[in-house]
PDB file of N, CA and C in Angstrom:
ATOM      1  N   MET A   1       0.813  -1.185   0.000  1.00  0.00           N
ATOM      2  CA  MET A   1       0.000   0.000   0.000  1.00  0.00           C
ATOM      3  C   MET A   1       0.861   1.255   0.000  1.00  0.00           C
ATOM      4  N   ASP A   2       1.859   1.292   0.850  1.00  0.00           N
ATOM      5  CA  ASP A   2       2.742   2.460   0.899  1.00  0.00           C
ATOM      6  C   ASP A   2       3.448   2.673  -0.433  1.00  0.00           C
ATOM      7  N   THR A   3       3.795   1.597  -1.063  1.00  0.00           N
ATOM      8  CA  THR A   3       4.488   1.702  -2.344  1.00  0.00           C
ATOM      9  C   THR A   3       3.579   2.333  -3.393  1.00  0.00           C
ATOM     10  N   GLU A   4       2.317   1.954  -3.407  1.00  0.00           N
ATOM     11  CA  GLU A   4       1.383   2.544  -4.365  1.00  0.00           C
ATOM     12  C   GLU A   4       1.189   4.029  -4.094  1.00  0.00           C
ATOM     13  N   GLN A   5       1.089   4.418  -2.847  1.00  0.00           N
ATOM     14  CA  GLN A   5       0.938   5.835  -2.495  1.00  0.00           C
ATOM     15  C   GLN A   5       2.211   6.619  -2.842  1.00  0.00           C
ATOM     16  N   GLU A   6       3.346   5.973  -2.614  1.00  0.00           N
ATOM     17  CA  GLU A   6       4.619   6.614  -2.943  1.00  0.00           C
ATOM     18  C   GLU A   6       4.733   6.835  -4.452  1.00  0.00           C
ATOM     19  N   ILE A   7       4.353   5.812  -5.210  1.00  0.00           N
ATOM     20  CA  ILE A   7       4.402   5.921  -6.672  1.00  0.00           C
ATOM     21  C   ILE A   7       3.423   6.992  -7.147  1.00  0.00           C
ATOM     22  N   GLU A   8       2.243   7.030  -6.572  1.00  0.00           N
ATOM     23  CA  GLU A   8       1.247   8.038  -6.938  1.00  0.00           C
ATOM     24  C   GLU A   8       1.760   9.445  -6.632  1.00  0.00           C
ATOM     25  N   LYS A   9       2.384   9.601  -5.484  1.00  0.00           N
ATOM     26  CA  LYS A   9       2.937  10.901  -5.098  1.00  0.00           C
ATOM     27  C   LYS A   9       4.047  11.327  -6.050  1.00  0.00           C
ATOM     28  N   ARG A  10       4.930  10.409  -6.381  1.00  0.00           N
ATOM     29  CA  ARG A  10       6.025  10.723  -7.307  1.00  0.00           C
ATOM     30  C   ARG A  10       5.490  11.061  -8.689  1.00  0.00           C
ATOM     31  N   LEU A  11       4.469  10.322  -9.119  1.00  0.00           N
ATOM     32  CA  LEU A  11       3.866  10.581 -10.423  1.00  0.00           C
ATOM     33  C   LEU A  11       3.224  11.972 -10.453  1.00  0.00           C
ATOM     34  N   THR A  12       2.528  12.323  -9.379  1.00  0.00           N
ATOM     35  CA  THR A  12       1.909  13.645  -9.286  1.00  0.00           C
ATOM     36  C   THR A  12       2.970  14.745  -9.328  1.00  0.00           C
ATOM     37  N   GLU A  13       4.067  14.554  -8.606  1.00  0.00           N
ATOM     38  CA  GLU A  13       5.154  15.546  -8.608  1.00  0.00           C
ATOM     39  C   GLU A  13       5.764  15.692 -10.004  1.00  0.00           C
ATOM     40  N   LEU A  14       5.931  14.579 -10.696  1.00  0.00           N
ATOM     41  CA  LEU A  14       6.464  14.641 -12.063  1.00  0.00           C
ATOM     42  C   LEU A  14       5.501  15.361 -13.010  1.00  0.00           C
ATOM     43  N   GLU A  15       4.205  15.118 -12.849  1.00  0.00           N
ATOM     44  CA  GLU A  15       3.216  15.807 -13.681  1.00  0.00           C
ATOM     45  C   GLU A  15       3.243  17.311 -13.421  1.00  0.00           C
ATOM     46  N   ILE A  16       3.395  17.694 -12.165  1.00  0.00           N
ATOM     47  CA  ILE A  16       3.474  19.120 -11.817  1.00  0.00           C
ATOM     48  C   ILE A  16       4.719  19.747 -12.444  1.00  0.00           C
ATOM     49  N   LYS A  17       5.856  19.043 -12.314  1.00  0.00           N
ATOM     50  CA  LYS A  17       7.100  19.559 -12.904  1.00  0.00           C
ATOM     51  C   LYS A  17       6.978  19.674 -14.420  1.00  0.00           C
ATOM     52  N   ALA A  18       6.361  18.692 -15.048  1.00  0.00           N
ATOM     53  CA  ALA A  18       6.187  18.724 -16.504  1.00  0.00           C
ATOM     54  C   ALA A  18       5.305  19.901 -16.902  1.00  0.00           C
ATOM     55  N   SER A  19       4.270  20.165 -16.125  1.00  0.00           N
ATOM     56  CA  SER A  19       3.384  21.284 -16.412  1.00  0.00           C
ATOM     57  C   SER A  19       4.123  22.616 -16.306  1.00  0.00           C
ATOM     58  N   PHE A  20       4.908  22.769 -15.246  1.00  0.00           N
ATOM     59  CA  PHE A  20       5.694  23.998 -15.090  1.00  0.00           C
ATOM     60  C   PHE A  20       6.710  24.142 -16.220  1.00  0.00           C
ATOM     61  N   SER A  21       7.304  23.031 -16.629  1.00  0.00           N
ATOM     62  CA  SER A  21       8.277  23.073 -17.723  1.00  0.00           C
ATOM     63  C   SER A  21       7.619  23.503 -19.025  1.00  0.00           C
ATOM     64  N   GLU A  22       6.417  23.008 -19.282  1.00  0.00           N
ATOM     65  CA  GLU A  22       5.693  23.401 -20.495  1.00  0.00           C
ATOM     66  C   GLU A  22       5.365  24.891 -20.471  1.00  0.00           C
ATOM     67  N   ASP A  23       4.930  25.377 -19.319  1.00  0.00           N
ATOM     68  CA  ASP A  23       4.623  26.809 -19.191  1.00  0.00           C
ATOM     69  C   ASP A  23       5.867  27.656 -19.432  1.00  0.00           C
ATOM     70  N   LEU A  24       6.984  27.239 -18.851  1.00  0.00           N
ATOM     71  CA  LEU A  24       8.231  27.973 -19.024  1.00  0.00           C
ATOM     72  C   LEU A  24       8.666  27.968 -20.482  1.00  0.00           C
ATOM     73  N   LEU A  25       8.538  26.824 -21.125  1.00  0.00           N
ATOM     74  CA  LEU A  25       8.902  26.716 -22.537  1.00  0.00           C
ATOM     75  C   LEU A  25       8.042  27.650 -23.392  1.00  0.00           C
ATOM     76  N   ASP A  26       6.748  27.712 -23.100  1.00  0.00           N
ATOM     77  CA  ASP A  26       5.859  28.621 -23.836  1.00  0.00           C
ATOM     78  C   ASP A  26       6.282  30.075 -23.636  1.00  0.00           C
ATOM     79  N   GLU A  27       6.614  30.446 -22.404  1.00  0.00           N
ATOM     80  CA  GLU A  27       7.055  31.814 -22.124  1.00  0.00           C
ATOM     81  C   GLU A  27       8.348  32.139 -22.865  1.00  0.00           C
ATOM     82  N   LEU A  28       9.280  31.199 -22.856  1.00  0.00           N
ATOM     83  CA  LEU A  28      10.550  31.421 -23.548  1.00  0.00           C
ATOM     84  C   LEU A  28      10.339  31.554 -25.053  1.00  0.00           C
ATOM     85  N   ASN A  29       9.443  30.764 -25.600  1.00  0.00           N
ATOM     86  CA  ASN A  29       9.138  30.882 -27.028  1.00  0.00           C
ATOM     87  C   ASN A  29       8.563  32.253 -27.354  1.00  0.00           C
ATOM     88  N   GLN A  30       7.696  32.760 -26.489  1.00  0.00           N
ATOM     89  CA  GLN A  30       7.132  34.094 -26.707  1.00  0.00           C
ATOM     90  C   GLN A  30       8.214  35.171 -26.652  1.00  0.00           C
ATOM     91  N   VAL A  31       9.162  35.016 -25.744  1.00  0.00           N
ATOM     92  CA  VAL A  31      10.272  35.973 -25.647  1.00  0.00           C
ATOM     93  C   VAL A  31      11.097  35.942 -26.931  1.00  0.00           C
ATOM     94  N   ILE A  32      11.352  34.749 -27.427  1.00  0.00           N
ATOM     95  CA  ILE A  32      12.144  34.625 -28.659  1.00  0.00           C
ATOM     96  C   ILE A  32      11.419  35.267 -29.835  1.00  0.00           C
ATOM     97  N   VAL A  33      10.118  35.059 -29.928  1.00  0.00           N
ATOM     98  CA  VAL A  33       9.338  35.659 -31.021  1.00  0.00           C
ATOM     99  C   VAL A  33       9.409  37.185 -30.939  1.00  0.00           C
ATOM    100  N   ARG A  34       9.234  37.750 -29.726  1.00  0.00           N
ATOM    101  CA  ARG A  34       9.313  39.214 -29.569  1.00  0.00           C
ATOM    102  C   ARG A  34      10.703  39.734 -29.918  1.00  0.00           C
ATOM    103  N   GLN A  35      11.730  39.021 -29.473  1.00  0.00           N
ATOM    104  CA  GLN A  35      13.093  39.459 -29.777  1.00  0.00           C
ATOM    105  C   GLN A  35      13.361  39.417 -31.276  1.00  0.00           C
ATOM    106  N   GLN A  36      12.866  38.399 -31.955  1.00  0.00           N
ATOM    107  CA  GLN A  36      13.063  38.322 -33.404  1.00  0.00           C
ATOM    108  C   GLN A  36      12.341  39.462 -34.106  1.00  0.00           C
ATOM    109  N   GLN A  37      11.157  39.816 -33.632  1.00  0.00           N
ATOM    110  CA  GLN A  37      10.437  40.951 -34.212  1.00  0.00           C
ATOM    111  C   GLN A  37      11.229  42.244 -34.008  1.00  0.00           C
ATOM    112  N   GLN A  38      11.818  42.411 -32.824  1.00  0.00           N
ATOM    113  CA  GLN A  38      12.629  43.603 -32.555  1.00  0.00           C
ATOM    114  C   GLN A  38      13.869  43.625 -33.437  1.00  0.00           C
ATOM    115  N   ILE A  39      14.497  42.473 -33.623  1.00  0.00           N
ATOM    116  CA  ILE A  39      15.681  42.395 -34.486  1.00  0.00           C
ATOM    117  C   ILE A  39      15.309  42.758 -35.913  1.00  0.00           C
ATOM    118  N   ASP A  40      14.185  42.214 -36.394  1.00  0.00           N
ATOM    119  CA  ASP A  40      13.737  42.529 -37.756  1.00  0.00           C
ATOM    120  C   ASP A  40      13.494  44.027 -37.922  1.00  0.00           C
ATOM    121  N   LEU A  41      12.837  44.638 -36.934  1.00  0.00           N
ATOM    122  CA  LEU A  41      12.573  46.081 -36.982  1.00  0.00           C
ATOM    123  C   LEU A  41      13.878  46.867 -37.002  1.00  0.00           C
ATOM    124  N   LEU A  42      14.803  46.508 -36.137  1.00  0.00           N
ATOM    125  CA  LEU A  42      16.086  47.211 -36.086  1.00  0.00           C
ATOM    126  C   LEU A  42      16.875  47.042 -37.385  1.00  0.00           C
ATOM    127  N   MET A  43      16.806  45.866 -37.979  1.00  0.00           N
ATOM    128  CA  MET A  43      17.503  45.645 -39.253  1.00  0.00           C
ATOM    129  C   MET A  43      16.913  46.538 -40.347  1.00  0.00           C
ATOM    130  N   ARG A  44      15.581  46.671 -40.367  1.00  0.00           N
ATOM    131  CA  ARG A  44      14.955  47.565 -41.357  1.00  0.00           C
ATOM    132  C   ARG A  44      15.384  49.009 -41.125  1.00  0.00           C
ATOM    133  N   GLU A  45      15.404  49.426 -39.847  1.00  0.00           N
ATOM    134  CA  GLU A  45      15.797  50.804 -39.540  1.00  0.00           C
ATOM    135  C   GLU A  45      17.252  51.061 -39.915  1.00  0.00           C
ATOM    136  N   VAL A  46      18.121  50.123 -39.655  1.00  0.00           N
ATOM    137  CA  VAL A  46      19.531  50.278 -40.031  1.00  0.00           C
ATOM    138  C   VAL A  46      19.646  50.375 -41.550  1.00  0.00           C
ATOM    139  N   GLY A  47      18.884  49.556 -42.263  1.00  0.00           N
ATOM    140  CA  GLY A  47      18.897  49.622 -43.727  1.00  0.00           C
ATOM    141  C   GLY A  47      18.440  50.977 -44.231  1.00  0.00           C
ATOM    142  N   GLN A  48      17.405  51.524 -43.607  1.00  0.00           N
ATOM    143  CA  GLN A  48      16.924  52.851 -44.002  1.00  0.00           C
ATOM    144  C   GLN A  48      17.970  53.920 -43.696  1.00  0.00           C
ATOM    145  N   LEU A  49      18.618  53.809 -42.573  1.00  0.00           N
ATOM    146  CA  LEU A  49      19.663  54.776 -42.225  1.00  0.00           C
ATOM    147  C   LEU A  49      20.829  54.696 -43.200  1.00  0.00           C
ATOM    148  N   ARG A  50      21.177  53.504 -43.615  1.00  0.00           N
ATOM    149  CA  ARG A  50      22.268  53.348 -44.591  1.00  0.00           C
ATOM    150  C   ARG A  50      21.901  53.969 -45.923  1.00  0.00           C
ATOM    151  N   GLU A  51      20.622  53.871 -46.291  1.00  0.00           N
ATOM    152  CA  GLU A  51      20.182  54.483 -47.539  1.00  0.00           C
ATOM    153  C   GLU A  51      20.228  56.004 -47.451  1.00  0.00           C
ATOM    154  N   GLN A  52      19.947  56.565 -46.275  1.00  0.00           N
ATOM    155  CA  GLN A  52      19.933  58.012 -46.092  1.00  0.00           C
ATOM    156  C   GLN A  52      21.335  58.596 -45.953  1.00  0.00           C
ATOM    157  N   LEU A  53      22.277  57.805 -45.504  1.00  0.00           N
ATOM    158  CA  LEU A  53      23.624  58.301 -45.220  1.00  0.00           C
ATOM    159  C   LEU A  53      24.286  58.976 -46.413  1.00  0.00           C
ATOM    160  N   PRO A  54      24.307  58.372 -47.605  1.00  0.00           N
ATOM    161  CA  PRO A  54      24.950  59.076 -48.733  1.00  0.00           C
ATOM    162  C   PRO A  54      24.262  60.386 -49.082  1.00  0.00           C
ATOM    163  N   GLU A  55      22.960  60.475 -48.874  1.00  0.00           N
ATOM    164  CA  GLU A  55      22.233  61.701 -49.185  1.00  0.00           C
ATOM    165  C   GLU A  55      22.641  62.836 -48.253  1.00  0.00           C
ATOM    166  N   ALA A  56      22.975  62.520 -47.031  1.00  0.00           N
ATOM    167  CA  ALA A  56      23.311  63.547 -46.049  1.00  0.00           C
ATOM    168  C   ALA A  56      24.672  64.164 -46.317  1.00  0.00           C
ATOM    169  N   GLY A  57      25.529  63.462 -47.038  1.00  0.00           N
ATOM    170  CA  GLY A  57      26.863  63.976 -47.305  1.00  0.00           C
ATOM    171  C   GLY A  57      27.734  63.856 -46.076  1.00  0.00           C
ATOM    172  N   PRO A  58      28.935  64.432 -46.131  1.00  0.00           N
ATOM    173  CA  PRO A  58      29.825  64.332 -44.972  1.00  0.00           C
ATOM    174  C   PRO A  58      29.229  65.080 -43.786  1.00  0.00           C
ATOM    175  N   GLY A  59      29.190  64.431 -42.708  1.00  0.00           N
ATOM    176  CA  GLY A  59      28.604  65.026 -41.513  1.00  0.00           C
ATOM    177  C   GLY A  59      29.394  64.588 -40.305  1.00  0.00           C
ATOM    178  N   PRO A  60      28.727  64.250 -39.261  1.00  0.00           N
ATOM    179  CA  PRO A  60      29.409  63.870 -38.039  1.00  0.00           C
ATOM    180  C   PRO A  60      30.244  62.602 -38.188  1.00  0.00           C
ATOM    181  N   LEU A  61      30.013  61.851 -39.262  1.00  0.00           N
ATOM    182  CA  LEU A  61      30.779  60.626 -39.456  1.00  0.00           C
ATOM    183  C   LEU A  61      32.017  60.859 -40.326  1.00  0.00           C
ATOM    184  N   ALA A  62      32.301  62.112 -40.660  1.00  0.00           N
ATOM    185  CA  ALA A  62      33.474  62.422 -41.467  1.00  0.00           C
ATOM    186  C   ALA A  62      34.740  62.162 -40.666  1.00  0.00           C
ATOM    187  N   ARG A  63      35.869  62.082 -41.376  1.00  0.00           N
ATOM    188  CA  ARG A  63      37.147  61.846 -40.692  1.00  0.00           C
ATOM    189  C   ARG A  63      37.508  63.044 -39.834  1.00  0.00           C
ATOM    190  N   PRO A  64      38.160  62.809 -38.692  1.00  0.00           N
ATOM    191  CA  PRO A  64      38.478  63.909 -37.763  1.00  0.00           C
ATOM    192  C   PRO A  64      39.344  65.008 -38.370  1.00  0.00           C
ATOM    193  N   GLY A  65      40.259  64.705 -39.271  1.00  0.00           N
ATOM    194  CA  GLY A  65      41.160  65.706 -39.832  1.00  0.00           C
ATOM    195  C   GLY A  65      40.565  66.536 -40.952  1.00  0.00           C
ATOM    196  N   ASP A  66      39.370  66.190 -41.408  1.00  0.00           N
ATOM    197  CA  ASP A  66      38.755  66.915 -42.516  1.00  0.00           C
ATOM    198  C   ASP A  66      38.366  68.342 -42.160  1.00  0.00           C
ATOM    199  N   ASP A  67      37.871  68.561 -40.967  1.00  0.00           N
ATOM    200  CA  ASP A  67      37.464  69.895 -40.552  1.00  0.00           C
ATOM    201  C   ASP A  67      38.499  70.462 -39.596  1.00  0.00           C
ATOM    202  N   LEU A  68      39.197  71.478 -40.049  1.00  0.00           N
ATOM    203  CA  LEU A  68      40.185  72.110 -39.183  1.00  0.00           C
ATOM    204  C   LEU A  68      39.522  73.192 -38.337  1.00  0.00           C
ATOM    205  N   PRO A  69      39.980  73.358 -37.123  1.00  0.00           N
ATOM    206  CA  PRO A  69      39.412  74.411 -36.274  1.00  0.00           C
ATOM    207  C   PRO A  69      39.661  75.785 -36.899  1.00  0.00           C
ATOM    208  N   PRO A  70      38.882  76.799 -36.552  1.00  0.00           N
ATOM    209  CA  PRO A  70      38.977  78.126 -37.163  1.00  0.00           C
ATOM    210  C   PRO A  70      40.336  78.801 -36.951  1.00  0.00           C
ATOM    211  N   HIS A  71      41.090  78.466 -35.945  1.00  0.00           N
ATOM    212  CA  HIS A  71      42.350  79.155 -35.698  1.00  0.00           C
ATOM    213  C   HIS A  71      43.484  78.675 -36.589  1.00  0.00           C
ATOM    214  N   TYR A  72      43.239  77.733 -37.508  1.00  0.00           N
ATOM    215  CA  TYR A  72      44.315  77.314 -38.425  1.00  0.00           C
ATOM    216  C   TYR A  72      44.299  78.069 -39.676  1.00  0.00           C
TER     217      TYR A  72
END
């Protein structure tokens, strides 16, 4: 009798752990989906910025020696 109760208790604990593991896996999958959406958005924005860069001409990204201070 004790063995059957022990087995039942262990089985219940395993079912609980499996349930928590499934919930955690679902949450992690949702995080990954959101992160991928953010990465996709950032990649599009970087692409747009790269397209705009040549139009802006030399600006803050120019080489340091290109603009001499006024006292030279």
